[in-house]
Amino acid sequence: MPRISEFQTKEVVNVENGKRLGHIGDLDVNLSSGKIENLIIPGAGRVMGLFGRDNDVVVPWSNIVRIGADVILVRFYNDEGSSMQGRD
């Protein structure tokens, strides 16, 4: 069973457009079932962190295509075709 720290070192890439989404910052876990529901990737900082940061990217577990040694491949779309969901 992989540890959360092992997931956090892997980069997440959208296979639909090849865009690097970043590294996992957190996981949403269903406390009833103990299953991971979403990967949460922190939004990029703006101007050295002085003006906040972009929304987090939430990737549903069901959208994971493959988990490799260095990368997690995901597939999803949003209104603009890149499938990122904002999270404050």
PDB file of N, CA and C in Angstrom:
ATOM      1  N   MET A   1       0.831  -1.181   0.000  1.00  0.00           N
ATOM      2  CA  MET A   1       0.000   0.000   0.000  1.00  0.00           C
ATOM      3  C   MET A   1       0.879   1.249   0.000  1.00  0.00           C
ATOM      4  N   PRO A   2       0.730   2.120  -1.001  1.00  0.00           N
ATOM      5  CA  PRO A   2       1.567   3.323  -1.062  1.00  0.00           C
ATOM      6  C   PRO A   2       1.217   4.324   0.045  1.00  0.00           C
ATOM      7  N   ARG A   3       2.199   5.086   0.446  1.00  0.00           N
ATOM      8  CA  ARG A   3       2.004   6.131   1.457  1.00  0.00           C
ATOM      9  C   ARG A   3       1.659   7.448   0.764  1.00  0.00           C
ATOM     10  N   ILE A   4       1.010   8.338   1.500  1.00  0.00           N
ATOM     11  CA  ILE A   4       0.649   9.648   0.952  1.00  0.00           C
ATOM     12  C   ILE A   4       1.894  10.403   0.504  1.00  0.00           C
ATOM     13  N   SER A   5       2.976  10.300   1.262  1.00  0.00           N
ATOM     14  CA  SER A   5       4.205  11.011   0.906  1.00  0.00           C
ATOM     15  C   SER A   5       4.756  10.542  -0.446  1.00  0.00           C
ATOM     16  N   GLU A   6       4.501   9.284  -0.809  1.00  0.00           N
ATOM     17  CA  GLU A   6       4.939   8.787  -2.114  1.00  0.00           C
ATOM     18  C   GLU A   6       4.136   9.435  -3.240  1.00  0.00           C
ATOM     19  N   PHE A   7       2.855   9.678  -3.011  1.00  0.00           N
ATOM     20  CA  PHE A   7       2.032  10.361  -4.013  1.00  0.00           C
ATOM     21  C   PHE A   7       2.474  11.810  -4.187  1.00  0.00           C
ATOM     22  N   GLN A   8       2.858  12.464  -3.108  1.00  0.00           N
ATOM     23  CA  GLN A   8       3.198  13.880  -3.157  1.00  0.00           C
ATOM     24  C   GLN A   8       4.471  14.162  -3.943  1.00  0.00           C
ATOM     25  N   THR A   9       5.316  13.177  -4.134  1.00  0.00           N
ATOM     26  CA  THR A   9       6.544  13.392  -4.893  1.00  0.00           C
ATOM     27  C   THR A   9       6.327  13.232  -6.398  1.00  0.00           C
ATOM     28  N   LYS A  10       5.185  12.687  -6.789  1.00  0.00           N
ATOM     29  CA  LYS A  10       4.905  12.449  -8.214  1.00  0.00           C
ATOM     30  C   LYS A  10       4.250  13.668  -8.841  1.00  0.00           C
ATOM     31  N   GLU A  11       4.626  13.963 -10.070  1.00  0.00           N
ATOM     32  CA  GLU A  11       4.005  15.056 -10.799  1.00  0.00           C
ATOM     33  C   GLU A  11       2.732  14.551 -11.470  1.00  0.00           C
ATOM     34  N   VAL A  12       1.701  15.405 -11.506  1.00  0.00           N
ATOM     35  CA  VAL A  12       0.429  15.041 -12.124  1.00  0.00           C
ATOM     36  C   VAL A  12       0.356  15.700 -13.500  1.00  0.00           C
ATOM     37  N   VAL A  13       0.057  14.882 -14.531  1.00  0.00           N
ATOM     38  CA  VAL A  13       0.007  15.360 -15.920  1.00  0.00           C
ATOM     39  C   VAL A  13      -1.325  14.967 -16.531  1.00  0.00           C
ATOM     40  N   ASN A  14      -1.971  15.920 -17.223  1.00  0.00           N
ATOM     41  CA  ASN A  14      -3.215  15.661 -17.944  1.00  0.00           C
ATOM     42  C   ASN A  14      -2.873  15.040 -19.296  1.00  0.00           C
ATOM     43  N   VAL A  15      -3.320  13.804 -19.539  1.00  0.00           N
ATOM     44  CA  VAL A  15      -2.980  13.114 -20.786  1.00  0.00           C
ATOM     45  C   VAL A  15      -3.711  13.696 -21.992  1.00  0.00           C
ATOM     46  N   GLU A  16      -4.768  14.459 -21.758  1.00  0.00           N
ATOM     47  CA  GLU A  16      -5.523  15.035 -22.874  1.00  0.00           C
ATOM     48  C   GLU A  16      -4.758  16.149 -23.578  1.00  0.00           C
ATOM     49  N   ASN A  17      -3.996  16.945 -22.823  1.00  0.00           N
ATOM     50  CA  ASN A  17      -3.283  18.062 -23.437  1.00  0.00           C
ATOM     51  C   ASN A  17      -1.800  18.113 -23.059  1.00  0.00           C
ATOM     52  N   GLY A  18      -1.334  17.156 -22.245  1.00  0.00           N
ATOM     53  CA  GLY A  18       0.070  17.109 -21.843  1.00  0.00           C
ATOM     54  C   GLY A  18       0.461  18.143 -20.812  1.00  0.00           C
ATOM     55  N   LYS A  19      -0.510  18.873 -20.266  1.00  0.00           N
ATOM     56  CA  LYS A  19      -0.211  19.939 -19.316  1.00  0.00           C
ATOM     57  C   LYS A  19       0.182  19.365 -17.956  1.00  0.00           C
ATOM     58  N   ARG A  20       1.257  19.915 -17.408  1.00  0.00           N
ATOM     59  CA  ARG A  20       1.679  19.560 -16.054  1.00  0.00           C
ATOM     60  C   ARG A  20       0.800  20.318 -15.079  1.00  0.00           C
ATOM     61  N   LEU A  21       0.137  19.598 -14.198  1.00  0.00           N
ATOM     62  CA  LEU A  21      -0.765  20.223 -13.242  1.00  0.00           C
ATOM     63  C   LEU A  21      -0.080  20.538 -11.925  1.00  0.00           C
ATOM     64  N   GLY A  22       1.036  19.882 -11.646  1.00  0.00           N
ATOM     65  CA  GLY A  22       1.777  20.123 -10.415  1.00  0.00           C
ATOM     66  C   GLY A  22       1.905  18.865  -9.578  1.00  0.00           C
ATOM     67  N   HIS A  23       2.185  19.055  -8.301  1.00  0.00           N
ATOM     68  CA  HIS A  23       2.343  17.948  -7.360  1.00  0.00           C
ATOM     69  C   HIS A  23       1.172  17.935  -6.395  1.00  0.00           C
ATOM     70  N   ILE A  24       0.816  16.769  -5.917  1.00  0.00           N
ATOM     71  CA  ILE A  24      -0.315  16.620  -5.004  1.00  0.00           C
ATOM     72  C   ILE A  24       0.005  17.293  -3.678  1.00  0.00           C
ATOM     73  N   GLY A  25      -0.927  18.114  -3.232  1.00  0.00           N
ATOM     74  CA  GLY A  25      -0.765  18.777  -1.943  1.00  0.00           C
ATOM     75  C   GLY A  25      -1.590  18.113  -0.858  1.00  0.00           C
ATOM     76  N   ASP A  26      -2.711  17.487  -1.264  1.00  0.00           N
ATOM     77  CA  ASP A  26      -3.607  16.884  -0.294  1.00  0.00           C
ATOM     78  C   ASP A  26      -4.473  15.843  -0.983  1.00  0.00           C
ATOM     79  N   LEU A  27      -5.155  15.045  -0.182  1.00  0.00           N
ATOM     80  CA  LEU A  27      -6.080  14.034  -0.690  1.00  0.00           C
ATOM     81  C   LEU A  27      -7.412  14.186   0.024  1.00  0.00           C
ATOM     82  N   ASP A  28      -8.523  14.023  -0.709  1.00  0.00           N
ATOM     83  CA  ASP A  28      -9.844  13.930  -0.089  1.00  0.00           C
ATOM     84  C   ASP A  28     -10.116  12.455   0.136  1.00  0.00           C
ATOM     85  N   VAL A  29     -10.350  12.090   1.387  1.00  0.00           N
ATOM     86  CA  VAL A  29     -10.597  10.699   1.740  1.00  0.00           C
ATOM     87  C   VAL A  29     -12.004  10.574   2.309  1.00  0.00           C
ATOM     88  N   ASN A  30     -12.763   9.591   1.836  1.00  0.00           N
ATOM     89  CA  ASN A  30     -14.074   9.288   2.390  1.00  0.00           C
ATOM     90  C   ASN A  30     -13.839   8.548   3.700  1.00  0.00           C
ATOM     91  N   LEU A  31     -14.215   9.171   4.810  1.00  0.00           N
ATOM     92  CA  LEU A  31     -13.934   8.582   6.119  1.00  0.00           C
ATOM     93  C   LEU A  31     -14.747   7.315   6.380  1.00  0.00           C
ATOM     94  N   SER A  32     -15.902   7.185   5.731  1.00  0.00           N
ATOM     95  CA  SER A  32     -16.725   5.986   5.912  1.00  0.00           C
ATOM     96  C   SER A  32     -16.089   4.764   5.268  1.00  0.00           C
ATOM     97  N   SER A  33     -15.635   4.948   4.018  1.00  0.00           N
ATOM     98  CA  SER A  33     -15.087   3.811   3.275  1.00  0.00           C
ATOM     99  C   SER A  33     -13.564   3.715   3.364  1.00  0.00           C
ATOM    100  N   GLY A  34     -12.907   4.829   3.694  1.00  0.00           N
ATOM    101  CA  GLY A  34     -11.448   4.853   3.739  1.00  0.00           C
ATOM    102  C   GLY A  34     -10.814   4.982   2.370  1.00  0.00           C
ATOM    103  N   LYS A  35     -11.625   5.258   1.334  1.00  0.00           N
ATOM    104  CA  LYS A  35     -11.113   5.361  -0.033  1.00  0.00           C
ATOM    105  C   LYS A  35     -10.791   6.811  -0.393  1.00  0.00           C
ATOM    106  N   ILE A  36      -9.756   6.971  -1.212  1.00  0.00           N
ATOM    107  CA  ILE A  36      -9.393   8.296  -1.723  1.00  0.00           C
ATOM    108  C   ILE A  36     -10.413   8.681  -2.786  1.00  0.00           C
ATOM    109  N   GLU A  37     -10.998   9.878  -2.655  1.00  0.00           N
ATOM    110  CA  GLU A  37     -11.978  10.344  -3.632  1.00  0.00           C
ATOM    111  C   GLU A  37     -11.384  11.345  -4.620  1.00  0.00           C
ATOM    112  N   ASN A  38     -10.484  12.223  -4.149  1.00  0.00           N
ATOM    113  CA  ASN A  38      -9.912  13.257  -5.010  1.00  0.00           C
ATOM    114  C   ASN A  38      -8.448  13.508  -4.670  1.00  0.00           C
ATOM    115  N   LEU A  39      -7.687  13.880  -5.693  1.00  0.00           N
ATOM    116  CA  LEU A  39      -6.335  14.400  -5.512  1.00  0.00           C
ATOM    117  C   LEU A  39      -6.459  15.917  -5.548  1.00  0.00           C
ATOM    118  N   ILE A  40      -5.785  16.617  -4.667  1.00  0.00           N
ATOM    119  CA  ILE A  40      -5.852  18.075  -4.647  1.00  0.00           C
ATOM    120  C   ILE A  40      -4.464  18.621  -4.931  1.00  0.00           C
ATOM    121  N   ILE A  41      -4.388  19.436  -5.988  1.00  0.00           N
ATOM    122  CA  ILE A  41      -3.126  20.026  -6.410  1.00  0.00           C
ATOM    123  C   ILE A  41      -3.216  21.521  -6.137  1.00  0.00           C
ATOM    124  N   PRO A  42      -2.347  22.068  -5.279  1.00  0.00           N
ATOM    125  CA  PRO A  42      -2.418  23.495  -4.949  1.00  0.00           C
ATOM    126  C   PRO A  42      -2.227  24.370  -6.180  1.00  0.00           C
ATOM    127  N   GLY A  43      -2.970  25.474  -6.206  1.00  0.00           N
ATOM    128  CA  GLY A  43      -2.829  26.437  -7.300  1.00  0.00           C
ATOM    129  C   GLY A  43      -1.488  27.137  -7.223  1.00  0.00           C
ATOM    130  N   ALA A  44      -1.040  27.629  -8.352  1.00  0.00           N
ATOM    131  CA  ALA A  44       0.249  28.328  -8.420  1.00  0.00           C
ATOM    132  C   ALA A  44       0.158  29.671  -7.695  1.00  0.00           C
ATOM    133  N   GLY A  45       1.250  30.065  -7.059  1.00  0.00           N
ATOM    134  CA  GLY A  45       1.305  31.359  -6.388  1.00  0.00           C
ATOM    135  C   GLY A  45       1.418  32.486  -7.396  1.00  0.00           C
ATOM    136  N   ARG A  46       0.958  33.648  -6.997  1.00  0.00           N
ATOM    137  CA  ARG A  46       1.034  34.823  -7.874  1.00  0.00           C
ATOM    138  C   ARG A  46       2.042  35.814  -7.296  1.00  0.00           C
ATOM    139  N   VAL A  47       2.902  36.318  -8.104  1.00  0.00           N
ATOM    140  CA  VAL A  47       3.898  37.333  -7.767  1.00  0.00           C
ATOM    141  C   VAL A  47       4.496  37.098  -6.372  1.00  0.00           C
ATOM    142  N   MET A  48       5.262  36.043  -6.260  1.00  0.00           N
ATOM    143  CA  MET A  48       5.976  35.698  -5.039  1.00  0.00           C
ATOM    144  C   MET A  48       5.046  35.504  -3.841  1.00  0.00           C
ATOM    145  N   GLY A  49       3.804  35.114  -4.116  1.00  0.00           N
ATOM    146  CA  GLY A  49       2.867  34.832  -3.031  1.00  0.00           C
ATOM    147  C   GLY A  49       2.220  36.053  -2.403  1.00  0.00           C
ATOM    148  N   LEU A  50       2.526  37.243  -2.920  1.00  0.00           N
ATOM    149  CA  LEU A  50       1.994  38.467  -2.323  1.00  0.00           C
ATOM    150  C   LEU A  50       0.511  38.685  -2.624  1.00  0.00           C
ATOM    151  N   PHE A  51       0.049  38.201  -3.740  1.00  0.00           N
ATOM    152  CA  PHE A  51      -1.330  38.451  -4.143  1.00  0.00           C
ATOM    153  C   PHE A  51      -2.170  37.186  -4.150  1.00  0.00           C
ATOM    154  N   GLY A  52      -1.912  36.292  -3.223  1.00  0.00           N
ATOM    155  CA  GLY A  52      -2.679  35.049  -3.134  1.00  0.00           C
ATOM    156  C   GLY A  52      -2.179  34.017  -4.117  1.00  0.00           C
ATOM    157  N   ARG A  53      -3.083  33.095  -4.445  1.00  0.00           N
ATOM    158  CA  ARG A  53      -2.714  32.051  -5.401  1.00  0.00           C
ATOM    159  C   ARG A  53      -3.945  31.642  -6.192  1.00  0.00           C
ATOM    160  N   ASP A  54      -3.705  30.916  -7.287  1.00  0.00           N
ATOM    161  CA  ASP A  54      -4.795  30.419  -8.113  1.00  0.00           C
ATOM    162  C   ASP A  54      -5.572  29.351  -7.352  1.00  0.00           C
ATOM    163  N   ASN A  55      -6.757  29.023  -7.861  1.00  0.00           N
ATOM    164  CA  ASN A  55      -7.564  27.969  -7.247  1.00  0.00           C
ATOM    165  C   ASN A  55      -6.848  26.630  -7.325  1.00  0.00           C
ATOM    166  N   ASP A  56      -7.126  25.787  -6.350  1.00  0.00           N
ATOM    167  CA  ASP A  56      -6.576  24.435  -6.362  1.00  0.00           C
ATOM    168  C   ASP A  56      -7.234  23.634  -7.488  1.00  0.00           C
ATOM    169  N   VAL A  57      -6.541  22.620  -7.961  1.00  0.00           N
ATOM    170  CA  VAL A  57      -7.072  21.703  -8.969  1.00  0.00           C
ATOM    171  C   VAL A  57      -7.504  20.431  -8.246  1.00  0.00           C
ATOM    172  N   VAL A  58      -8.757  20.024  -8.462  1.00  0.00           N
ATOM    173  CA  VAL A  58      -9.288  18.820  -7.821  1.00  0.00           C
ATOM    174  C   VAL A  58      -9.495  17.763  -8.898  1.00  0.00           C
ATOM    175  N   VAL A  59      -8.790  16.648  -8.758  1.00  0.00           N
ATOM    176  CA  VAL A  59      -8.857  15.558  -9.730  1.00  0.00           C
ATOM    177  C   VAL A  59      -9.550  14.361  -9.090  1.00  0.00           C
ATOM    178  N   PRO A  60     -10.720  13.966  -9.591  1.00  0.00           N
ATOM    179  CA  PRO A  60     -11.384  12.778  -9.042  1.00  0.00           C
ATOM    180  C   PRO A  60     -10.530  11.528  -9.241  1.00  0.00           C
ATOM    181  N   TRP A  61     -10.539  10.653  -8.244  1.00  0.00           N
ATOM    182  CA  TRP A  61      -9.766   9.417  -8.292  1.00  0.00           C
ATOM    183  C   TRP A  61     -10.107   8.604  -9.538  1.00  0.00           C
ATOM    184  N   SER A  62     -11.362   8.633  -9.956  1.00  0.00           N
ATOM    185  CA  SER A  62     -11.801   7.851 -11.123  1.00  0.00           C
ATOM    186  C   SER A  62     -11.171   8.346 -12.422  1.00  0.00           C
ATOM    187  N   ASN A  63     -10.578   9.539 -12.425  1.00  0.00           N
ATOM    188  CA  ASN A  63      -9.963  10.090 -13.631  1.00  0.00           C
ATOM    189  C   ASN A  63      -8.476   9.782 -13.743  1.00  0.00           C
ATOM    190  N   ILE A  64      -7.952   9.010 -12.818  1.00  0.00           N
ATOM    191  CA  ILE A  64      -6.544   8.614 -12.899  1.00  0.00           C
ATOM    192  C   ILE A  64      -6.410   7.520 -13.952  1.00  0.00           C
ATOM    193  N   VAL A  65      -5.530   7.746 -14.916  1.00  0.00           N
ATOM    194  CA  VAL A  65      -5.284   6.777 -15.983  1.00  0.00           C
ATOM    195  C   VAL A  65      -4.219   5.782 -15.553  1.00  0.00           C
ATOM    196  N   ARG A  66      -3.138   6.295 -14.975  1.00  0.00           N
ATOM    197  CA  ARG A  66      -2.007   5.434 -14.611  1.00  0.00           C
ATOM    198  C   ARG A  66      -1.164   6.117 -13.539  1.00  0.00           C
ATOM    199  N   ILE A  67      -0.677   5.329 -12.610  1.00  0.00           N
ATOM    200  CA  ILE A  67       0.252   5.837 -11.600  1.00  0.00           C
ATOM    201  C   ILE A  67       1.591   5.175 -11.865  1.00  0.00           C
ATOM    202  N   GLY A  68       2.568   5.991 -12.260  1.00  0.00           N
ATOM    203  CA  GLY A  68       3.891   5.475 -12.565  1.00  0.00           C
ATOM    204  C   GLY A  68       4.876   5.765 -11.451  1.00  0.00           C
ATOM    205  N   ALA A  69       6.136   5.496 -11.708  1.00  0.00           N
ATOM    206  CA  ALA A  69       7.186   5.700 -10.716  1.00  0.00           C
ATOM    207  C   ALA A  69       7.397   7.183 -10.397  1.00  0.00           C
ATOM    208  N   ASP A  70       7.261   8.057 -11.414  1.00  0.00           N
ATOM    209  CA  ASP A  70       7.530   9.486 -11.235  1.00  0.00           C
ATOM    210  C   ASP A  70       6.352  10.390 -11.549  1.00  0.00           C
ATOM    211  N   VAL A  71       5.305   9.828 -12.143  1.00  0.00           N
ATOM    212  CA  VAL A  71       4.216  10.672 -12.637  1.00  0.00           C
ATOM    213  C   VAL A  71       2.869   9.972 -12.441  1.00  0.00           C
ATOM    214  N   ILE A  72       1.830  10.791 -12.284  1.00  0.00           N
ATOM    215  CA  ILE A  72       0.457  10.296 -12.253  1.00  0.00           C
ATOM    216  C   ILE A  72      -0.249  10.900 -13.466  1.00  0.00           C
ATOM    217  N   LEU A  73      -0.738  10.050 -14.348  1.00  0.00           N
ATOM    218  CA  LEU A  73      -1.443  10.505 -15.539  1.00  0.00           C
ATOM    219  C   LEU A  73      -2.937  10.541 -15.257  1.00  0.00           C
ATOM    220  N   VAL A  74      -3.563  11.685 -15.573  1.00  0.00           N
ATOM    221  CA  VAL A  74      -4.999  11.849 -15.338  1.00  0.00           C
ATOM    222  C   VAL A  74      -5.682  12.304 -16.627  1.00  0.00           C
ATOM    223  N   ARG A  75      -6.997  12.085 -16.695  1.00  0.00           N
ATOM    224  CA  ARG A  75      -7.777  12.509 -17.857  1.00  0.00           C
ATOM    225  C   ARG A  75      -9.043  13.185 -17.356  1.00  0.00           C
ATOM    226  N   PHE A  76      -9.212  14.465 -17.723  1.00  0.00           N
ATOM    227  CA  PHE A  76     -10.439  15.176 -17.386  1.00  0.00           C
ATOM    228  C   PHE A  76     -10.548  16.463 -18.182  1.00  0.00           C
ATOM    229  N   TYR A  77     -11.753  17.051 -18.206  1.00  0.00           N
ATOM    230  CA  TYR A  77     -12.030  18.277 -18.966  1.00  0.00           C
ATOM    231  C   TYR A  77     -12.799  19.270 -18.117  1.00  0.00           C
ATOM    232  N   ASN A  78     -12.678  20.546 -18.434  1.00  0.00           N
ATOM    233  CA  ASN A  78     -13.551  21.570 -17.859  1.00  0.00           C
ATOM    234  C   ASN A  78     -14.255  22.269 -19.009  1.00  0.00           C
ATOM    235  N   ASP A  79     -14.853  23.417 -18.743  1.00  0.00           N
ATOM    236  CA  ASP A  79     -15.595  24.157 -19.780  1.00  0.00           C
ATOM    237  C   ASP A  79     -14.700  24.535 -20.955  1.00  0.00           C
ATOM    238  N   GLU A  80     -13.413  24.719 -20.699  1.00  0.00           N
ATOM    239  CA  GLU A  80     -12.494  25.143 -21.740  1.00  0.00           C
ATOM    240  C   GLU A  80     -11.736  23.971 -22.346  1.00  0.00           C
ATOM    241  N   GLY A  81     -12.107  22.742 -21.976  1.00  0.00           N
ATOM    242  CA  GLY A  81     -11.469  21.586 -22.563  1.00  0.00           C
ATOM    243  C   GLY A  81     -10.259  21.066 -21.830  1.00  0.00           C
ATOM    244  N   SER A  82      -9.901  21.686 -20.690  1.00  0.00           N
ATOM    245  CA  SER A  82      -8.726  21.209 -19.980  1.00  0.00           C
ATOM    246  C   SER A  82      -9.066  20.526 -18.667  1.00  0.00           C
ATOM    247  N   SER A  83     -10.350  20.445 -18.344  1.00  0.00           N
ATOM    248  CA  SER A  83     -10.872  19.643 -17.246  1.00  0.00           C
ATOM    249  C   SER A  83     -10.337  19.927 -15.868  1.00  0.00           C
ATOM    250  N   MET A  84     -10.073  21.150 -15.506  1.00  0.00           N
ATOM    251  CA  MET A  84      -9.656  21.463 -14.155  1.00  0.00           C
ATOM    252  C   MET A  84     -10.839  22.052 -13.403  1.00  0.00           C
ATOM    253  N   GLN A  85     -11.035  21.601 -12.188  1.00  0.00           N
ATOM    254  CA  GLN A  85     -12.093  22.140 -11.325  1.00  0.00           C
ATOM    255  C   GLN A  85     -11.444  23.038 -10.308  1.00  0.00           C
ATOM    256  N   GLY A  86     -11.989  24.240 -10.132  1.00  0.00           N
ATOM    257  CA  GLY A  86     -11.440  25.160  -9.143  1.00  0.00           C
ATOM    258  C   GLY A  86     -11.873  24.793  -7.751  1.00  0.00           C
ATOM    259  N   ARG A  87     -11.018  25.097  -6.788  1.00  0.00           N
ATOM    260  CA  ARG A  87     -11.345  24.867  -5.387  1.00  0.00           C
ATOM    261  C   ARG A  87     -10.685  25.977  -4.594  1.00  0.00           C
ATOM    262  N   ASP A  88     -11.441  26.675  -3.777  1.00  0.00           N
ATOM    263  CA  ASP A  88     -10.877  27.766  -2.960  1.00  0.00           C
ATOM    264  C   ASP A  88     -10.266  27.258  -1.708  1.00  0.00           C
TER     265      ASP A  88
END
